[in-house]
Amino acid sequence: MATPRRMGTETSETRVRLLDVTERIMIDDGYAAVSSRRIAKDAGVTPALVHYYFGTLDDLFLALLRRRAEQQLARQQRKLSAERPLRSLWEASKDRDGARLLTELMALANHRKVIQTELAEYAERFRAIQLKALEDHVADLGVDVPPVVLLVLIAGMSRSLVLEASLGMTTGIAETYEVIERYLDQLEAAPPAG
């Protein structure tokens, strides 16, 4: 019978540093640039130590996805309890690094089903929490747009604008931000319906 492989603890400073380095590589250079050698080099450790903490790159990617998603879930709870949750959600969704990391994880999910499954589960959790928080708020604003549609529009537009700007595109970016932000200001400044 094979002895189970020993793994580093989840609370280890080294493990955290490896996740931090991996996240930075993915944001700066994309998921294809992630290798145990590159992570080890950037973290100042040996490739064997990377595999001590993460048996495979999929294990590393899953740990990174879970860590970032749990951080974002906690951040989202704070944002959605704000006085202007639509505006708070919009501001949070414009995070450049977050959008780039999500895009890389989505690209990775096209090739690794385990990542796709986990990413989809977290995305549905996010959407459910957001929807629950916004249903009453949007109803009070008297908006004809269903809250779930507002959520999809905010997520899609912010991600698209951040990614286009990161490519160096400028045409229409500032103007679109301005229109969306003006609309959110008008919407959330409107007197409650009823």
C-alpha atoms as a PDB file:
ATOM      1  CA  MET A   1       0.000   0.000   0.000  1.00  0.00           C
ATOM      2  CA  ALA A   2       1.384   3.382  -0.988  1.00  0.00           C
ATOM      3  CA  THR A   3       2.055   5.912   1.711  1.00  0.00           C
ATOM      4  CA  PRO A   4       0.097   9.132   1.157  1.00  0.00           C
ATOM      5  CA  ARG A   5       2.290  11.954  -0.063  1.00  0.00           C
ATOM      6  CA  ARG A   6       3.066  14.542   2.581  1.00  0.00           C
ATOM      7  CA  MET A   7       1.762  18.056   1.880  1.00  0.00           C
ATOM      8  CA  GLY A   8       2.587  21.393   3.456  1.00  0.00           C
ATOM      9  CA  THR A   9       0.038  22.983   5.758  1.00  0.00           C
ATOM     10  CA  GLU A  10      -2.524  25.424   4.402  1.00  0.00           C
ATOM     11  CA  THR A  11      -1.489  28.099   6.889  1.00  0.00           C
ATOM     12  CA  SER A  12       2.207  27.974   6.023  1.00  0.00           C
ATOM     13  CA  GLU A  13       3.831  31.286   5.079  1.00  0.00           C
ATOM     14  CA  THR A  14       5.583  29.492   2.229  1.00  0.00           C
ATOM     15  CA  ARG A  15       2.288  28.193   0.844  1.00  0.00           C
ATOM     16  CA  VAL A  16       0.794  31.679   1.011  1.00  0.00           C
ATOM     17  CA  ARG A  17       3.850  33.111  -0.767  1.00  0.00           C
ATOM     18  CA  LEU A  18       3.548  30.474  -3.504  1.00  0.00           C
ATOM     19  CA  LEU A  19      -0.099  31.408  -4.019  1.00  0.00           C
ATOM     20  CA  ASP A  20       0.779  35.117  -4.066  1.00  0.00           C
ATOM     21  CA  VAL A  21       3.512  34.538  -6.649  1.00  0.00           C
ATOM     22  CA  THR A  22       1.213  32.400  -8.800  1.00  0.00           C
ATOM     23  CA  GLU A  23      -1.509  35.031  -8.696  1.00  0.00           C
ATOM     24  CA  ARG A  24       0.945  37.739  -9.738  1.00  0.00           C
ATOM     25  CA  ILE A  25       2.276  35.624 -12.618  1.00  0.00           C
ATOM     26  CA  MET A  26      -1.254  34.962 -13.856  1.00  0.00           C
ATOM     27  CA  ILE A  27      -2.198  38.643 -13.681  1.00  0.00           C
ATOM     28  CA  ASP A  28       1.000  39.861 -15.325  1.00  0.00           C
ATOM     29  CA  ASP A  29       1.760  37.094 -17.837  1.00  0.00           C
ATOM     30  CA  GLY A  30      -1.248  34.772 -18.009  1.00  0.00           C
ATOM     31  CA  TYR A  31      -1.879  31.249 -16.800  1.00  0.00           C
ATOM     32  CA  ALA A  32       0.328  29.744 -19.535  1.00  0.00           C
ATOM     33  CA  ALA A  33       3.351  31.355 -17.858  1.00  0.00           C
ATOM     34  CA  VAL A  34       2.713  29.400 -14.650  1.00  0.00           C
ATOM     35  CA  SER A  35       5.102  26.502 -14.083  1.00  0.00           C
ATOM     36  CA  SER A  36       6.617  25.023 -10.960  1.00  0.00           C
ATOM     37  CA  ARG A  37      10.019  26.327 -12.087  1.00  0.00           C
ATOM     38  CA  ARG A  38       8.763  29.856 -12.676  1.00  0.00           C
ATOM     39  CA  ILE A  39       6.909  29.927  -9.347  1.00  0.00           C
ATOM     40  CA  ALA A  40       9.955  28.540  -7.530  1.00  0.00           C
ATOM     41  CA  LYS A  41      12.256  31.085  -9.156  1.00  0.00           C
ATOM     42  CA  ASP A  42       9.984  34.028  -8.369  1.00  0.00           C
ATOM     43  CA  ALA A  43       9.362  32.814  -4.801  1.00  0.00           C
ATOM     44  CA  GLY A  44      13.007  31.994  -4.129  1.00  0.00           C
ATOM     45  CA  VAL A  45      12.404  28.296  -3.435  1.00  0.00           C
ATOM     46  CA  THR A  46      13.012  25.001  -5.237  1.00  0.00           C
ATOM     47  CA  PRO A  47      10.504  23.465  -7.662  1.00  0.00           C
ATOM     48  CA  ALA A  48      10.313  20.458  -5.321  1.00  0.00           C
ATOM     49  CA  LEU A  49       8.988  22.731  -2.582  1.00  0.00           C
ATOM     50  CA  VAL A  50       6.216  23.934  -4.907  1.00  0.00           C
ATOM     51  CA  HIS A  51       5.187  20.297  -5.384  1.00  0.00           C
ATOM     52  CA  TYR A  52       5.455  19.664  -1.658  1.00  0.00           C
ATOM     53  CA  TYR A  53       2.646  22.168  -1.142  1.00  0.00           C
ATOM     54  CA  PHE A  54       0.754  21.486  -4.371  1.00  0.00           C
ATOM     55  CA  GLY A  55       0.996  18.026  -5.906  1.00  0.00           C
ATOM     56  CA  THR A  56       0.004  19.268  -9.345  1.00  0.00           C
ATOM     57  CA  LEU A  57      -0.506  22.592 -11.041  1.00  0.00           C
ATOM     58  CA  ASP A  58      -4.254  21.895 -10.961  1.00  0.00           C
ATOM     59  CA  ASP A  59      -4.005  21.648  -7.167  1.00  0.00           C
ATOM     60  CA  LEU A  60      -2.237  25.009  -7.162  1.00  0.00           C
ATOM     61  CA  PHE A  61      -4.784  26.614  -9.488  1.00  0.00           C
ATOM     62  CA  LEU A  62      -7.663  25.265  -7.391  1.00  0.00           C
ATOM     63  CA  ALA A  63      -6.101  26.571  -4.185  1.00  0.00           C
ATOM     64  CA  LEU A  64      -5.604  29.972  -5.798  1.00  0.00           C
ATOM     65  CA  LEU A  65      -9.180  30.037  -7.108  1.00  0.00           C
ATOM     66  CA  ARG A  66     -10.605  29.063  -3.729  1.00  0.00           C
ATOM     67  CA  ARG A  67      -8.498  31.568  -1.804  1.00  0.00           C
ATOM     68  CA  ARG A  68      -9.345  34.460  -4.116  1.00  0.00           C
ATOM     69  CA  ALA A  69     -13.044  33.517  -4.262  1.00  0.00           C
ATOM     70  CA  GLU A  70     -13.348  33.337  -0.478  1.00  0.00           C
ATOM     71  CA  GLN A  71     -11.621  36.734  -0.158  1.00  0.00           C
ATOM     72  CA  GLN A  72     -14.004  38.180  -2.733  1.00  0.00           C
ATOM     73  CA  LEU A  73     -17.061  36.664  -1.046  1.00  0.00           C
ATOM     74  CA  ALA A  74     -16.137  38.434   2.193  1.00  0.00           C
ATOM     75  CA  ARG A  75     -15.451  41.686   0.317  1.00  0.00           C
ATOM     76  CA  GLN A  76     -18.735  41.366  -1.529  1.00  0.00           C
ATOM     77  CA  GLN A  77     -20.707  40.994   1.709  1.00  0.00           C
ATOM     78  CA  ARG A  78     -19.279  44.336   2.870  1.00  0.00           C
ATOM     79  CA  LYS A  79     -19.992  46.014  -0.484  1.00  0.00           C
ATOM     80  CA  LEU A  80     -23.561  44.778  -0.720  1.00  0.00           C
ATOM     81  CA  SER A  81     -24.440  46.039   2.747  1.00  0.00           C
ATOM     82  CA  ALA A  82     -23.465  49.596   1.746  1.00  0.00           C
ATOM     83  CA  GLU A  83     -26.059  52.335   1.356  1.00  0.00           C
ATOM     84  CA  ARG A  84     -25.652  52.237  -2.444  1.00  0.00           C
ATOM     85  CA  PRO A  85     -25.085  48.546  -3.225  1.00  0.00           C
ATOM     86  CA  LEU A  86     -25.309  48.894  -7.016  1.00  0.00           C
ATOM     87  CA  ARG A  87     -22.598  51.551  -6.989  1.00  0.00           C
ATOM     88  CA  SER A  88     -20.507  49.503  -4.540  1.00  0.00           C
ATOM     89  CA  LEU A  89     -20.854  46.424  -6.719  1.00  0.00           C
ATOM     90  CA  TRP A  90     -19.854  48.434  -9.795  1.00  0.00           C
ATOM     91  CA  GLU A  91     -16.791  49.875  -8.041  1.00  0.00           C
ATOM     92  CA  ALA A  92     -15.693  46.447  -6.810  1.00  0.00           C
ATOM     93  CA  SER A  93     -16.121  44.927 -10.257  1.00  0.00           C
ATOM     94  CA  LYS A  94     -13.769  47.468 -11.848  1.00  0.00           C
ATOM     95  CA  ASP A  95     -10.732  46.013 -10.068  1.00  0.00           C
ATOM     96  CA  ARG A  96      -8.170  45.548 -12.869  1.00  0.00           C
ATOM     97  CA  ASP A  97      -6.210  42.734 -11.250  1.00  0.00           C
ATOM     98  CA  GLY A  98      -9.361  40.905 -10.238  1.00  0.00           C
ATOM     99  CA  ALA A  99     -10.756  41.091 -13.779  1.00  0.00           C
ATOM    100  CA  ARG A 100      -7.489  39.898 -15.299  1.00  0.00           C
ATOM    101  CA  LEU A 101      -7.202  37.010 -12.849  1.00  0.00           C
ATOM    102  CA  LEU A 102     -10.803  35.976 -13.480  1.00  0.00           C
ATOM    103  CA  THR A 103     -10.194  36.075 -17.233  1.00  0.00           C
ATOM    104  CA  GLU A 104      -7.127  33.864 -16.844  1.00  0.00           C
ATOM    105  CA  LEU A 105      -9.045  31.426 -14.660  1.00  0.00           C
ATOM    106  CA  MET A 106     -11.834  31.354 -17.248  1.00  0.00           C
ATOM    107  CA  ALA A 107      -9.310  30.645 -20.017  1.00  0.00           C
ATOM    108  CA  LEU A 108      -7.741  27.932 -17.872  1.00  0.00           C
ATOM    109  CA  ALA A 109     -11.214  26.479 -17.260  1.00  0.00           C
ATOM    110  CA  ASN A 110     -11.533  25.876 -21.021  1.00  0.00           C
ATOM    111  CA  HIS A 111      -8.737  23.309 -20.698  1.00  0.00           C
ATOM    112  CA  ARG A 112      -9.226  21.946 -17.200  1.00  0.00           C
ATOM    113  CA  LYS A 113     -12.712  20.761 -16.297  1.00  0.00           C
ATOM    114  CA  VAL A 114     -11.969  20.651 -12.567  1.00  0.00           C
ATOM    115  CA  ILE A 115     -11.230  24.396 -12.695  1.00  0.00           C
ATOM    116  CA  GLN A 116     -14.361  25.007 -14.785  1.00  0.00           C
ATOM    117  CA  THR A 117     -16.558  23.187 -12.278  1.00  0.00           C
ATOM    118  CA  GLU A 118     -15.127  25.025  -9.276  1.00  0.00           C
ATOM    119  CA  LEU A 119     -15.245  28.415 -11.003  1.00  0.00           C
ATOM    120  CA  ALA A 120     -18.868  27.895 -12.032  1.00  0.00           C
ATOM    121  CA  GLU A 121     -19.847  26.894  -8.486  1.00  0.00           C
ATOM    122  CA  TYR A 122     -18.273  30.030  -7.023  1.00  0.00           C
ATOM    123  CA  ALA A 123     -19.792  32.223  -9.734  1.00  0.00           C
ATOM    124  CA  GLU A 124     -23.258  30.884  -8.938  1.00  0.00           C
ATOM    125  CA  ARG A 125     -22.666  31.509  -5.216  1.00  0.00           C
ATOM    126  CA  PHE A 126     -21.653  35.080  -5.970  1.00  0.00           C
ATOM    127  CA  ARG A 127     -24.654  35.662  -8.192  1.00  0.00           C
ATOM    128  CA  ALA A 128     -27.078  34.215  -5.612  1.00  0.00           C
ATOM    129  CA  ILE A 129     -25.692  36.421  -2.830  1.00  0.00           C
ATOM    130  CA  GLN A 130     -25.751  39.497  -5.048  1.00  0.00           C
ATOM    131  CA  LEU A 131     -29.270  38.800  -6.228  1.00  0.00           C
ATOM    132  CA  LYS A 132     -30.589  38.318  -2.703  1.00  0.00           C
ATOM    133  CA  ALA A 133     -28.985  41.578  -1.585  1.00  0.00           C
ATOM    134  CA  LEU A 134     -30.220  43.590  -4.561  1.00  0.00           C
ATOM    135  CA  GLU A 135     -33.779  42.326  -5.055  1.00  0.00           C
ATOM    136  CA  ASP A 136     -35.334  44.541  -2.397  1.00  0.00           C
ATOM    137  CA  HIS A 137     -33.017  47.453  -3.135  1.00  0.00           C
ATOM    138  CA  VAL A 138     -33.820  47.490  -6.861  1.00  0.00           C
ATOM    139  CA  ALA A 139     -37.542  47.005  -6.198  1.00  0.00           C
ATOM    140  CA  ASP A 140     -37.463  50.055  -3.897  1.00  0.00           C
ATOM    141  CA  LEU A 141     -35.874  52.078  -6.709  1.00  0.00           C
ATOM    142  CA  GLY A 142     -38.794  51.321  -9.012  1.00  0.00           C
ATOM    143  CA  VAL A 143     -36.585  50.048 -11.839  1.00  0.00           C
ATOM    144  CA  ASP A 144     -38.140  48.019 -14.658  1.00  0.00           C
ATOM    145  CA  VAL A 145     -34.938  46.029 -15.148  1.00  0.00           C
ATOM    146  CA  PRO A 146     -34.832  42.733 -13.210  1.00  0.00           C
ATOM    147  CA  PRO A 147     -32.072  42.700 -10.571  1.00  0.00           C
ATOM    148  CA  VAL A 148     -30.437  39.636 -12.115  1.00  0.00           C
ATOM    149  CA  VAL A 149     -30.115  41.496 -15.430  1.00  0.00           C
ATOM    150  CA  LEU A 150     -28.480  44.444 -13.657  1.00  0.00           C
ATOM    151  CA  LEU A 151     -26.008  42.026 -12.090  1.00  0.00           C
ATOM    152  CA  VAL A 152     -25.110  40.447 -15.425  1.00  0.00           C
ATOM    153  CA  LEU A 153     -24.748  43.875 -17.053  1.00  0.00           C
ATOM    154  CA  ILE A 154     -22.520  45.197 -14.280  1.00  0.00           C
ATOM    155  CA  ALA A 155     -20.307  42.094 -14.298  1.00  0.00           C
ATOM    156  CA  GLY A 156     -20.039  41.894 -18.071  1.00  0.00           C
ATOM    157  CA  MET A 157     -19.504  45.585 -18.732  1.00  0.00           C
ATOM    158  CA  SER A 158     -16.965  46.126 -15.988  1.00  0.00           C
ATOM    159  CA  ARG A 159     -14.937  43.067 -17.006  1.00  0.00           C
ATOM    160  CA  SER A 160     -15.038  44.070 -20.660  1.00  0.00           C
ATOM    161  CA  LEU A 161     -14.010  47.670 -19.971  1.00  0.00           C
ATOM    162  CA  VAL A 162     -11.174  46.673 -17.635  1.00  0.00           C
ATOM    163  CA  LEU A 163      -9.828  44.143 -20.129  1.00  0.00           C
ATOM    164  CA  GLU A 164     -10.042  46.524 -23.072  1.00  0.00           C
ATOM    165  CA  ALA A 165      -8.237  49.216 -21.081  1.00  0.00           C
ATOM    166  CA  SER A 166      -5.549  46.686 -20.089  1.00  0.00           C
ATOM    167  CA  LEU A 167      -4.981  46.028 -23.789  1.00  0.00           C
ATOM    168  CA  GLY A 168      -4.342  49.730 -24.247  1.00  0.00           C
ATOM    169  CA  MET A 169      -7.667  50.513 -25.894  1.00  0.00           C
ATOM    170  CA  THR A 170      -9.038  53.960 -25.155  1.00  0.00           C
ATOM    171  CA  THR A 171     -11.858  54.601 -27.623  1.00  0.00           C
ATOM    172  CA  GLY A 172     -15.144  54.753 -25.768  1.00  0.00           C
ATOM    173  CA  ILE A 173     -13.795  53.482 -22.426  1.00  0.00           C
ATOM    174  CA  ALA A 174     -13.994  56.726 -20.432  1.00  0.00           C
ATOM    175  CA  GLU A 175     -17.301  57.687 -22.050  1.00  0.00           C
ATOM    176  CA  THR A 176     -18.860  54.324 -21.186  1.00  0.00           C
ATOM    177  CA  TYR A 177     -17.673  54.546 -17.591  1.00  0.00           C
ATOM    178  CA  GLU A 178     -19.156  58.032 -17.382  1.00  0.00           C
ATOM    179  CA  VAL A 179     -22.560  56.961 -18.729  1.00  0.00           C
ATOM    180  CA  ILE A 180     -22.782  53.931 -16.433  1.00  0.00           C
ATOM    181  CA  GLU A 181     -21.725  55.902 -13.384  1.00  0.00           C
ATOM    182  CA  ARG A 182     -24.147  58.727 -14.188  1.00  0.00           C
ATOM    183  CA  TYR A 183     -26.944  56.173 -14.556  1.00  0.00           C
ATOM    184  CA  LEU A 184     -26.071  54.537 -11.231  1.00  0.00           C
ATOM    185  CA  ASP A 185     -25.986  57.949  -9.536  1.00  0.00           C
ATOM    186  CA  GLN A 186     -29.398  58.838 -10.971  1.00  0.00           C
ATOM    187  CA  LEU A 187     -30.840  55.452 -10.164  1.00  0.00           C
ATOM    188  CA  GLU A 188     -29.703  55.326  -6.567  1.00  0.00           C
ATOM    189  CA  ALA A 189     -30.495  58.984  -5.934  1.00  0.00           C
ATOM    190  CA  ALA A 190     -34.103  58.538  -7.064  1.00  0.00           C
ATOM    191  CA  PRO A 191     -36.732  58.661  -4.327  1.00  0.00           C
ATOM    192  CA  PRO A 192     -38.005  55.204  -3.345  1.00  0.00           C
ATOM    193  CA  ALA A 193     -40.916  53.933  -5.424  1.00  0.00           C
ATOM    194  CA  GLY A 194     -44.382  53.634  -3.979  1.00  0.00           C
END
